[in-house]
Amino acid sequence: MAFLNIGYFFRKHKQGNLSVSGRQDAEFYTFSTDFIRRNHIKETSGWEKVRTRNLDIEKFKNEKGFELIAKDLGIDYPTK
Protein backbone atom coordinates (compact mmCIF):
# COMPACT_ATOMS: atom_id res chain seq x y z
CA MET A 1 0.00 0.00 0.00
CA ALA A 2 1.26 3.48 -0.74
CA PHE A 3 0.01 6.85 0.45
CA LEU A 4 0.99 9.44 -2.15
CA ASN A 5 0.21 12.61 -0.15
CA ILE A 6 -0.27 14.97 -3.10
CA GLY A 7 -1.45 17.88 -1.01
CA TYR A 8 -4.69 19.81 -1.40
CA PHE A 9 -5.47 18.46 -4.88
CA PHE A 10 -9.27 18.16 -4.92
CA ARG A 11 -10.14 20.75 -2.29
CA LYS A 12 -9.23 24.30 -1.62
CA HIS A 13 -6.60 25.16 0.92
CA LYS A 14 -7.75 27.04 4.03
CA GLN A 15 -6.70 30.34 2.46
CA GLY A 16 -9.15 29.70 -0.41
CA ASN A 17 -6.77 28.93 -3.28
CA LEU A 18 -5.80 25.56 -4.70
CA SER A 19 -2.46 24.68 -3.16
CA VAL A 20 0.21 22.01 -3.26
CA SER A 21 1.57 23.15 0.09
CA GLY A 22 0.22 20.00 1.76
CA ARG A 23 2.38 17.79 -0.43
CA GLN A 24 4.59 15.25 1.38
CA ASP A 25 6.87 12.35 0.47
CA ALA A 26 5.12 9.08 -0.40
CA GLU A 27 4.75 6.55 2.40
CA PHE A 28 5.04 2.83 1.65
CA TYR A 29 3.58 0.11 3.85
CA THR A 30 4.50 -3.55 3.51
CA PHE A 31 1.93 -5.61 5.39
CA SER A 32 2.34 -9.23 6.41
CA THR A 33 -0.22 -11.75 5.17
CA ASP A 34 -1.38 -12.25 8.77
CA PHE A 35 -2.09 -8.53 9.10
CA ILE A 36 -4.02 -8.55 5.82
CA ARG A 37 -6.09 -11.57 6.83
CA ARG A 38 -7.00 -10.00 10.19
CA ASN A 39 -8.01 -6.64 8.70
CA HIS A 40 -9.45 -7.60 5.30
CA ILE A 41 -13.01 -6.42 4.66
CA LYS A 42 -15.07 -7.37 1.63
CA GLU A 43 -17.44 -4.50 0.93
CA THR A 44 -20.92 -5.02 -0.45
CA SER A 45 -19.94 -2.74 -3.34
CA GLY A 46 -17.52 -5.38 -4.60
CA TRP A 47 -14.39 -3.56 -3.48
CA GLU A 48 -12.07 -5.43 -1.16
CA LYS A 49 -10.35 -3.30 1.46
CA VAL A 50 -7.88 -3.56 4.28
CA ARG A 51 -8.83 -1.39 7.24
CA THR A 52 -5.90 0.54 8.73
CA ARG A 53 -7.69 3.37 10.56
CA ASN A 54 -6.85 3.50 14.28
CA LEU A 55 -4.30 0.69 13.92
CA ASP A 56 -0.61 0.96 14.74
CA ILE A 57 0.96 0.35 11.32
CA GLU A 58 4.25 2.15 11.97
CA LYS A 59 6.22 -1.14 12.02
CA PHE A 60 5.21 -1.72 8.38
CA LYS A 61 6.21 1.75 7.15
CA ASN A 62 8.94 2.43 4.56
CA GLU A 63 12.29 0.79 5.43
CA LYS A 64 10.87 -1.05 8.44
CA GLY A 65 8.39 -2.83 6.17
CA PHE A 66 11.05 -3.65 3.59
CA GLU A 67 13.22 -5.11 6.36
CA LEU A 68 10.32 -7.38 7.41
CA ILE A 69 10.20 -8.82 3.87
CA ALA A 70 13.95 -9.37 3.81
CA LYS A 71 13.85 -11.07 7.20
CA ASP A 72 11.00 -13.39 6.15
CA LEU A 73 12.88 -14.29 2.96
CA GLY A 74 16.12 -14.88 4.87
CA ILE A 75 17.98 -12.10 3.09
CA ASP A 76 20.77 -10.49 5.08
CA TYR A 77 21.29 -6.75 5.03
CA PRO A 78 23.73 -5.93 2.20
CA THR A 79 27.30 -5.29 3.28
CA LYS A 80 30.34 -4.15 1.36
C-alpha atoms as a PDB file:
ATOM      1  CA  MET A   1       0.000   0.000   0.000  1.00  0.00           C
ATOM      2  CA  ALA A   2       1.264   3.483  -0.737  1.00  0.00           C
ATOM      3  CA  PHE A   3       0.012   6.850   0.453  1.00  0.00           C
ATOM      4  CA  LEU A   4       0.988   9.440  -2.146  1.00  0.00           C
ATOM      5  CA  ASN A   5       0.213  12.611  -0.149  1.00  0.00           C
ATOM      6  CA  ILE A   6      -0.273  14.972  -3.099  1.00  0.00           C
ATOM      7  CA  GLY A   7      -1.446  17.875  -1.011  1.00  0.00           C
ATOM      8  CA  TYR A   8      -4.688  19.806  -1.395  1.00  0.00           C
ATOM      9  CA  PHE A   9      -5.472  18.463  -4.877  1.00  0.00           C
ATOM     10  CA  PHE A  10      -9.267  18.159  -4.922  1.00  0.00           C
ATOM     11  CA  ARG A  11     -10.139  20.750  -2.294  1.00  0.00           C
ATOM     12  CA  LYS A  12      -9.229  24.304  -1.615  1.00  0.00           C
ATOM     13  CA  HIS A  13      -6.603  25.164   0.916  1.00  0.00           C
ATOM     14  CA  LYS A  14      -7.748  27.036   4.028  1.00  0.00           C
ATOM     15  CA  GLN A  15      -6.696  30.343   2.461  1.00  0.00           C
ATOM     16  CA  GLY A  16      -9.154  29.696  -0.411  1.00  0.00           C
ATOM     17  CA  ASN A  17      -6.766  28.935  -3.277  1.00  0.00           C
ATOM     18  CA  LEU A  18      -5.796  25.557  -4.701  1.00  0.00           C
ATOM     19  CA  SER A  19      -2.459  24.681  -3.155  1.00  0.00           C
ATOM     20  CA  VAL A  20       0.213  22.007  -3.264  1.00  0.00           C
ATOM     21  CA  SER A  21       1.566  23.148   0.095  1.00  0.00           C
ATOM     22  CA  GLY A  22       0.217  20.001   1.764  1.00  0.00           C
ATOM     23  CA  ARG A  23       2.376  17.788  -0.426  1.00  0.00           C
ATOM     24  CA  GLN A  24       4.593  15.247   1.383  1.00  0.00           C
ATOM     25  CA  ASP A  25       6.871  12.347   0.475  1.00  0.00           C
ATOM     26  CA  ALA A  26       5.122   9.082  -0.399  1.00  0.00           C
ATOM     27  CA  GLU A  27       4.754   6.545   2.405  1.00  0.00           C
ATOM     28  CA  PHE A  28       5.042   2.832   1.654  1.00  0.00           C
ATOM     29  CA  TYR A  29       3.576   0.112   3.855  1.00  0.00           C
ATOM     30  CA  THR A  30       4.498  -3.550   3.509  1.00  0.00           C
ATOM     31  CA  PHE A  31       1.927  -5.607   5.386  1.00  0.00           C
ATOM     32  CA  SER A  32       2.335  -9.232   6.408  1.00  0.00           C
ATOM     33  CA  THR A  33      -0.222 -11.748   5.169  1.00  0.00           C
ATOM     34  CA  ASP A  34      -1.377 -12.252   8.774  1.00  0.00           C
ATOM     35  CA  PHE A  35      -2.093  -8.531   9.099  1.00  0.00           C
ATOM     36  CA  ILE A  36      -4.024  -8.546   5.817  1.00  0.00           C
ATOM     37  CA  ARG A  37      -6.092 -11.569   6.827  1.00  0.00           C
ATOM     38  CA  ARG A  38      -7.003 -10.004  10.192  1.00  0.00           C
ATOM     39  CA  ASN A  39      -8.014  -6.644   8.698  1.00  0.00           C
ATOM     40  CA  HIS A  40      -9.448  -7.596   5.303  1.00  0.00           C
ATOM     41  CA  ILE A  41     -13.014  -6.424   4.665  1.00  0.00           C
ATOM     42  CA  LYS A  42     -15.070  -7.372   1.626  1.00  0.00           C
ATOM     43  CA  GLU A  43     -17.441  -4.497   0.932  1.00  0.00           C
ATOM     44  CA  THR A  44     -20.917  -5.020  -0.452  1.00  0.00           C
ATOM     45  CA  SER A  45     -19.935  -2.741  -3.336  1.00  0.00           C
ATOM     46  CA  GLY A  46     -17.525  -5.384  -4.601  1.00  0.00           C
ATOM     47  CA  TRP A  47     -14.386  -3.557  -3.476  1.00  0.00           C
ATOM     48  CA  GLU A  48     -12.072  -5.425  -1.157  1.00  0.00           C
ATOM     49  CA  LYS A  49     -10.350  -3.303   1.460  1.00  0.00           C
ATOM     50  CA  VAL A  50      -7.881  -3.558   4.284  1.00  0.00           C
ATOM     51  CA  ARG A  51      -8.831  -1.385   7.242  1.00  0.00           C
ATOM     52  CA  THR A  52      -5.903   0.540   8.727  1.00  0.00           C
ATOM     53  CA  ARG A  53      -7.685   3.374  10.556  1.00  0.00           C
ATOM     54  CA  ASN A  54      -6.853   3.503  14.281  1.00  0.00           C
ATOM     55  CA  LEU A  55      -4.300   0.688  13.919  1.00  0.00           C
ATOM     56  CA  ASP A  56      -0.608   0.956  14.744  1.00  0.00           C
ATOM     57  CA  ILE A  57       0.957   0.348  11.316  1.00  0.00           C
ATOM     58  CA  GLU A  58       4.249   2.146  11.973  1.00  0.00           C
ATOM     59  CA  LYS A  59       6.224  -1.139  12.016  1.00  0.00           C
ATOM     60  CA  PHE A  60       5.211  -1.722   8.376  1.00  0.00           C
ATOM     61  CA  LYS A  61       6.207   1.754   7.146  1.00  0.00           C
ATOM     62  CA  ASN A  62       8.936   2.425   4.557  1.00  0.00           C
ATOM     63  CA  GLU A  63      12.292   0.790   5.427  1.00  0.00           C
ATOM     64  CA  LYS A  64      10.872  -1.054   8.436  1.00  0.00           C
ATOM     65  CA  GLY A  65       8.388  -2.833   6.171  1.00  0.00           C
ATOM     66  CA  PHE A  66      11.049  -3.650   3.591  1.00  0.00           C
ATOM     67  CA  GLU A  67      13.217  -5.108   6.361  1.00  0.00           C
ATOM     68  CA  LEU A  68      10.321  -7.375   7.409  1.00  0.00           C
ATOM     69  CA  ILE A  69      10.198  -8.821   3.873  1.00  0.00           C
ATOM     70  CA  ALA A  70      13.954  -9.369   3.805  1.00  0.00           C
ATOM     71  CA  LYS A  71      13.853 -11.075   7.204  1.00  0.00           C
ATOM     72  CA  ASP A  72      10.997 -13.387   6.154  1.00  0.00           C
ATOM     73  CA  LEU A  73      12.876 -14.290   2.962  1.00  0.00           C
ATOM     74  CA  GLY A  74      16.120 -14.878   4.867  1.00  0.00           C
ATOM     75  CA  ILE A  75      17.981 -12.098   3.087  1.00  0.00           C
ATOM     76  CA  ASP A  76      20.775 -10.487   5.082  1.00  0.00           C
ATOM     77  CA  TYR A  77      21.286  -6.746   5.027  1.00  0.00           C
ATOM     78  CA  PRO A  78      23.733  -5.934   2.202  1.00  0.00           C
ATOM     79  CA  THR A  79      27.302  -5.288   3.276  1.00  0.00           C
ATOM     80  CA  LYS A  80      30.344  -4.153   1.361  1.00  0.00           C
END
